[in-house]
Amino acid sequence: MNRKGNCPDNAVIENIFGLLKSELLYLQEFRSMKHFKLELIEYPDDYNNRRIKAKLKGLLPAIHRQQALWLLEQFVLKILV
């Protein structure tokens, strides 16, 4: 366990909150608290499945997963045949 004031444990959550604020909170105007809560609930799905990522060569995560699974399948088929 880290001492008070030592922040490596907080780095991940601080990054997530920073992304959440910059991509959701500051880019939209919410009509009500209910609207904000609905958008907040949808954000993880958008982040994980519909957000284009530079690390994935500009692909959506869902498409990157499909390509990776297809390549794995082709590799396994070559080994078995």
N, C-alpha and C. Protein backbone atom coordinates (compact mmCIF):
# COMPACT_ATOMS: atom_id res chain seq x y z
N MET A 1 0.84 -1.18 0.00
CA MET A 1 0.00 0.00 0.00
C MET A 1 0.89 1.24 0.00
N ASN A 2 0.49 2.22 -0.75
CA ASN A 2 1.26 3.46 -0.84
C ASN A 2 0.92 4.41 0.30
N ARG A 3 1.88 5.26 0.59
CA ARG A 3 1.65 6.28 1.61
C ARG A 3 0.74 7.36 1.07
N LYS A 4 0.21 8.14 1.95
CA LYS A 4 -0.63 9.27 1.56
C LYS A 4 0.18 10.23 0.69
N GLY A 5 -0.45 10.67 -0.39
CA GLY A 5 0.22 11.60 -1.29
C GLY A 5 0.99 10.93 -2.41
N ASN A 6 1.07 9.60 -2.38
CA ASN A 6 1.75 8.86 -3.43
C ASN A 6 0.68 8.40 -4.42
N CYS A 7 0.76 8.85 -5.65
CA CYS A 7 -0.39 8.72 -6.55
C CYS A 7 -0.35 7.65 -7.64
N PRO A 8 0.58 6.71 -7.70
CA PRO A 8 0.52 5.73 -8.79
C PRO A 8 -0.78 4.95 -8.85
N ASP A 9 -1.38 4.68 -7.71
CA ASP A 9 -2.65 3.95 -7.70
C ASP A 9 -3.77 4.76 -8.33
N ASN A 10 -3.68 6.07 -8.26
CA ASN A 10 -4.74 6.93 -8.77
C ASN A 10 -4.58 7.27 -10.24
N ALA A 11 -3.47 6.92 -10.86
CA ALA A 11 -3.19 7.34 -12.22
C ALA A 11 -4.23 6.87 -13.21
N VAL A 12 -4.65 5.63 -13.11
CA VAL A 12 -5.62 5.08 -14.06
C VAL A 12 -6.97 5.77 -13.93
N ILE A 13 -7.46 5.90 -12.73
CA ILE A 13 -8.78 6.51 -12.53
C ILE A 13 -8.74 7.99 -12.87
N GLU A 14 -7.62 8.66 -12.58
CA GLU A 14 -7.50 10.08 -12.95
C GLU A 14 -7.54 10.23 -14.47
N ASN A 15 -6.90 9.31 -15.19
CA ASN A 15 -6.93 9.33 -16.65
C ASN A 15 -8.35 9.13 -17.17
N ILE A 16 -9.07 8.18 -16.59
CA ILE A 16 -10.45 7.92 -17.02
C ILE A 16 -11.33 9.14 -16.76
N PHE A 17 -11.21 9.74 -15.58
CA PHE A 17 -12.01 10.93 -15.29
C PHE A 17 -11.66 12.08 -16.22
N GLY A 18 -10.37 12.22 -16.55
CA GLY A 18 -9.95 13.27 -17.48
C GLY A 18 -10.57 13.07 -18.86
N LEU A 19 -10.55 11.83 -19.36
CA LEU A 19 -11.17 11.53 -20.65
C LEU A 19 -12.67 11.77 -20.60
N LEU A 20 -13.28 11.34 -19.52
CA LEU A 20 -14.72 11.50 -19.36
C LEU A 20 -15.11 12.97 -19.40
N LYS A 21 -14.37 13.79 -18.70
CA LYS A 21 -14.68 15.22 -18.69
C LYS A 21 -14.44 15.86 -20.05
N SER A 22 -13.31 15.52 -20.69
CA SER A 22 -13.00 16.19 -21.95
C SER A 22 -13.85 15.69 -23.11
N GLU A 23 -14.26 14.42 -23.09
CA GLU A 23 -15.02 13.86 -24.21
C GLU A 23 -16.53 13.90 -24.01
N LEU A 24 -16.97 13.97 -22.79
CA LEU A 24 -18.42 13.93 -22.54
C LEU A 24 -18.91 15.24 -21.94
N LEU A 25 -18.35 15.61 -20.83
CA LEU A 25 -18.88 16.74 -20.08
C LEU A 25 -18.69 18.08 -20.80
N TYR A 26 -17.51 18.33 -21.33
CA TYR A 26 -17.23 19.63 -21.92
C TYR A 26 -17.73 19.77 -23.36
N LEU A 27 -18.06 18.67 -24.03
CA LEU A 27 -18.47 18.73 -25.43
C LEU A 27 -19.98 18.79 -25.63
N GLN A 28 -20.74 18.61 -24.58
CA GLN A 28 -22.19 18.57 -24.72
C GLN A 28 -22.86 19.52 -23.74
N GLU A 29 -24.05 19.91 -24.11
CA GLU A 29 -24.91 20.61 -23.15
C GLU A 29 -26.05 19.66 -22.82
N PHE A 30 -26.26 19.46 -21.57
CA PHE A 30 -27.28 18.51 -21.13
C PHE A 30 -28.56 19.25 -20.77
N ARG A 31 -29.67 18.70 -21.21
CA ARG A 31 -30.97 19.33 -20.95
C ARG A 31 -31.40 19.20 -19.49
N SER A 32 -30.97 18.11 -18.87
CA SER A 32 -31.36 17.86 -17.48
C SER A 32 -30.37 16.89 -16.85
N MET A 33 -30.52 16.68 -15.58
CA MET A 33 -29.68 15.71 -14.88
C MET A 33 -29.96 14.30 -15.40
N LYS A 34 -31.21 14.04 -15.74
CA LYS A 34 -31.58 12.73 -16.29
C LYS A 34 -30.86 12.49 -17.62
N HIS A 35 -30.82 13.50 -18.48
CA HIS A 35 -30.12 13.39 -19.75
C HIS A 35 -28.63 13.13 -19.52
N PHE A 36 -28.03 13.82 -18.57
CA PHE A 36 -26.63 13.61 -18.24
C PHE A 36 -26.39 12.18 -17.77
N LYS A 37 -27.26 11.67 -16.91
CA LYS A 37 -27.10 10.31 -16.40
C LYS A 37 -27.21 9.28 -17.52
N LEU A 38 -28.12 9.50 -18.46
CA LEU A 38 -28.25 8.58 -19.59
C LEU A 38 -26.98 8.57 -20.44
N GLU A 39 -26.45 9.75 -20.71
CA GLU A 39 -25.21 9.84 -21.48
C GLU A 39 -24.03 9.21 -20.74
N LEU A 40 -24.01 9.39 -19.44
CA LEU A 40 -22.95 8.82 -18.61
C LEU A 40 -23.00 7.29 -18.63
N ILE A 41 -24.19 6.74 -18.63
CA ILE A 41 -24.35 5.29 -18.69
C ILE A 41 -23.91 4.75 -20.05
N GLU A 42 -24.15 5.50 -21.13
CA GLU A 42 -23.78 5.06 -22.47
C GLU A 42 -22.29 5.26 -22.77
N TYR A 43 -21.63 6.12 -22.04
CA TYR A 43 -20.24 6.47 -22.34
C TYR A 43 -19.29 5.27 -22.38
N PRO A 44 -19.32 4.35 -21.41
CA PRO A 44 -18.38 3.22 -21.48
C PRO A 44 -18.53 2.39 -22.77
N ASP A 45 -19.76 2.18 -23.21
CA ASP A 45 -19.97 1.44 -24.44
C ASP A 45 -19.41 2.21 -25.63
N ASP A 46 -19.66 3.50 -25.68
CA ASP A 46 -19.09 4.33 -26.75
C ASP A 46 -17.57 4.29 -26.72
N TYR A 47 -17.00 4.41 -25.53
CA TYR A 47 -15.54 4.43 -25.37
C TYR A 47 -14.93 3.11 -25.84
N ASN A 48 -15.55 2.01 -25.47
CA ASN A 48 -14.98 0.69 -25.76
C ASN A 48 -15.29 0.18 -27.15
N ASN A 49 -16.38 0.61 -27.76
CA ASN A 49 -16.82 0.01 -29.02
C ASN A 49 -16.94 0.96 -30.20
N ARG A 50 -17.17 2.23 -29.96
CA ARG A 50 -17.42 3.13 -31.08
C ARG A 50 -16.43 4.28 -31.21
N ARG A 51 -15.45 4.32 -30.39
CA ARG A 51 -14.49 5.42 -30.39
C ARG A 51 -13.25 5.02 -31.19
N ILE A 52 -12.93 5.78 -32.21
CA ILE A 52 -11.76 5.49 -33.03
C ILE A 52 -10.51 5.73 -32.19
N LYS A 53 -9.59 4.78 -32.24
CA LYS A 53 -8.38 4.87 -31.42
C LYS A 53 -7.13 4.90 -32.30
N ALA A 54 -6.25 5.83 -32.03
CA ALA A 54 -5.01 5.96 -32.80
C ALA A 54 -4.12 4.72 -32.62
N LYS A 55 -4.11 4.14 -31.42
CA LYS A 55 -3.28 2.96 -31.16
C LYS A 55 -3.72 1.76 -31.99
N LEU A 56 -4.96 1.77 -32.45
CA LEU A 56 -5.48 0.68 -33.27
C LEU A 56 -5.47 1.06 -34.74
N LYS A 57 -4.58 1.95 -35.11
CA LYS A 57 -4.42 2.42 -36.49
C LYS A 57 -5.70 3.04 -37.03
N GLY A 58 -6.41 3.77 -36.19
CA GLY A 58 -7.60 4.49 -36.61
C GLY A 58 -8.84 3.63 -36.72
N LEU A 59 -8.80 2.42 -36.19
CA LEU A 59 -9.95 1.52 -36.27
C LEU A 59 -10.81 1.63 -35.01
N LEU A 60 -12.05 1.24 -35.18
CA LEU A 60 -12.91 1.09 -34.01
C LEU A 60 -12.48 -0.16 -33.27
N PRO A 61 -12.58 -0.19 -31.95
CA PRO A 61 -12.17 -1.38 -31.20
C PRO A 61 -12.90 -2.64 -31.64
N ALA A 62 -14.17 -2.54 -31.95
CA ALA A 62 -14.93 -3.72 -32.37
C ALA A 62 -14.38 -4.30 -33.67
N ILE A 63 -14.03 -3.45 -34.62
CA ILE A 63 -13.47 -3.92 -35.89
C ILE A 63 -12.07 -4.49 -35.67
N HIS A 64 -11.30 -3.87 -34.80
CA HIS A 64 -9.96 -4.38 -34.50
C HIS A 64 -10.06 -5.78 -33.90
N ARG A 65 -11.02 -5.99 -32.98
CA ARG A 65 -11.21 -7.32 -32.39
C ARG A 65 -11.60 -8.34 -33.45
N GLN A 66 -12.51 -7.95 -34.37
CA GLN A 66 -12.92 -8.86 -35.43
C GLN A 66 -11.72 -9.27 -36.29
N GLN A 67 -10.89 -8.30 -36.65
CA GLN A 67 -9.71 -8.59 -37.47
C GLN A 67 -8.74 -9.50 -36.72
N ALA A 68 -8.52 -9.23 -35.44
CA ALA A 68 -7.60 -10.04 -34.66
C ALA A 68 -8.12 -11.48 -34.54
N LEU A 69 -9.42 -11.64 -34.31
CA LEU A 69 -9.99 -12.99 -34.22
C LEU A 69 -9.92 -13.72 -35.55
N TRP A 70 -10.14 -12.99 -36.64
CA TRP A 70 -10.06 -13.60 -37.96
C TRP A 70 -8.63 -14.07 -38.24
N LEU A 71 -7.63 -13.24 -37.90
CA LEU A 71 -6.24 -13.63 -38.09
C LEU A 71 -5.87 -14.84 -37.23
N LEU A 72 -6.34 -14.86 -36.01
CA LEU A 72 -6.10 -16.00 -35.13
C LEU A 72 -6.72 -17.27 -35.71
N GLU A 73 -7.94 -17.14 -36.20
CA GLU A 73 -8.62 -18.28 -36.82
C GLU A 73 -7.85 -18.80 -38.03
N GLN A 74 -7.36 -17.89 -38.87
CA GLN A 74 -6.58 -18.30 -40.04
C GLN A 74 -5.28 -19.00 -39.62
N PHE A 75 -4.65 -18.51 -38.59
CA PHE A 75 -3.43 -19.11 -38.07
C PHE A 75 -3.70 -20.52 -37.57
N VAL A 76 -4.76 -20.70 -36.81
CA VAL A 76 -5.11 -22.02 -36.26
C VAL A 76 -5.45 -22.99 -37.40
N LEU A 77 -6.18 -22.51 -38.40
CA LEU A 77 -6.53 -23.37 -39.53
C LEU A 77 -5.29 -23.83 -40.29
N LYS A 78 -4.29 -22.96 -40.43
CA LYS A 78 -3.04 -23.35 -41.11
C LYS A 78 -2.31 -24.43 -40.32
N ILE A 79 -2.36 -24.32 -39.01
CA ILE A 79 -1.67 -25.31 -38.17
C ILE A 79 -2.37 -26.67 -38.28
N LEU A 80 -3.70 -26.66 -38.29
CA LEU A 80 -4.45 -27.91 -38.31
C LEU A 80 -4.46 -28.60 -39.67
N VAL A 81 -4.28 -27.82 -40.73
CA VAL A 81 -4.34 -28.41 -42.08
C VAL A 81 -3.00 -28.87 -42.56
